[in-house]
Amino acid sequence: MFDHILVPMDGSSLAECVLPHAMAVARACGAQVTLLRVLERPQAAGPTRSVDPLDWHIRKAEARVYLDGLSARLQETGLRTESTLLEGQAAERIIEFVRGHDVNLIVLSSHGRSGLSDWNVSSIVQKIILRAYAPVMIVRAYQPVAGDLTGLRYRHVLIPLDGSQRAECALPLATTLSRSHGSELLLVHVVSRPEMVCRAPPTQEDIELVNRLTERNRLEATRCLENLRSRLPLAVQTRVLVSDNTAATLHRLVKQENVDLVVLSAHGCSGRTEWPYGSLVVNFIAYGSTPLLIVQDLSPDEVERTQAEMVTREHKGH
């Protein structure tokens, strides 16, 4: 479970939307929260031009006052809180901090100082979630924010499952949060209809084969969810759905059930485990509209580096 939560801040009100969520998770897990601000060199200065020393000193002082103020607000609620101020490129320094300080969870606002955009997450957030190799929570900055830091309660928590042990690694966290918040926990398994390769219309035999396999998988999914429900230490709801599009079905269910938190594993039974995330997680990052908590089931050593990352490291080594 989490004991060290990192909350990157950039001084914007959009970024502060994460604070109630960070507190909600920290309280449920008994975790410490670290507020991190990274000051970047002004773009106008360029890599070779120097920054005005007085201006830089003022910016650092303002950033420190800002962090101290936020930290004091969190500490007043009884939360163990620290704050850190760094200099450099935001994404790179945040990732370095995660790897060097035993961070269990990063809570990120989808957008920050650069403002809202048509993209569901900012470019900095994309870099962090692809390279931190750690559990991540994404809070949608375009959604209404709770004014009271301690008033946030998750009412409906959804966890997608697929019968694999990898998918189930998100269960302990979802259970802990649901118990702490008195949430309704909904376990969902979407059974995909098998695809058939055929240039001509399917025969009756083909259709019956697909139906038999689909029904077999539906019954097995039902059995798995019932087994999980009997072993969990709280009352949960289960749902088995049959669909041609798992992601679209889950998105509809999130809206229908007024889900306010989706918790899922980075990989399921079909996910390529050499990559940071499976296709369902990538879909929820790009198209989801609710807070998303991703439990990373791989260690950093198990994730395959991209070609760009390996080439960059080679050049830096020279």
Foldseek 3Di string as FASTA:
>chain_A
DFAEEEQEAAPFPLSCLQLLVVLLLCVLVVHAYEYEYEAEDPPVCPPPRDDDPVVVVVVVVVVVVVQVVVQVVSVVVVHHYHYDYHYHDVLVVVLVCCVPPVGAEYEGEQDHDVDDDPFQRDPSVVSNLQRSLHKYKYAYSVDDGDPDSNPDAFAEEEQEAAPFPQFCVQVVSLLSRCVSRVHAYEYEYEQAQDDDDDPDPDDPVRVVVSVVVSVVSQVVVVVSVVVVCVPRPDHYHYYYHYDNDVLVVVQVVCVVVVGQEYETEQDHPPADQLGQHRPSVVCCSGDNDHIYIYGGPDGSVSHHDDPVVVVVVVVVVD
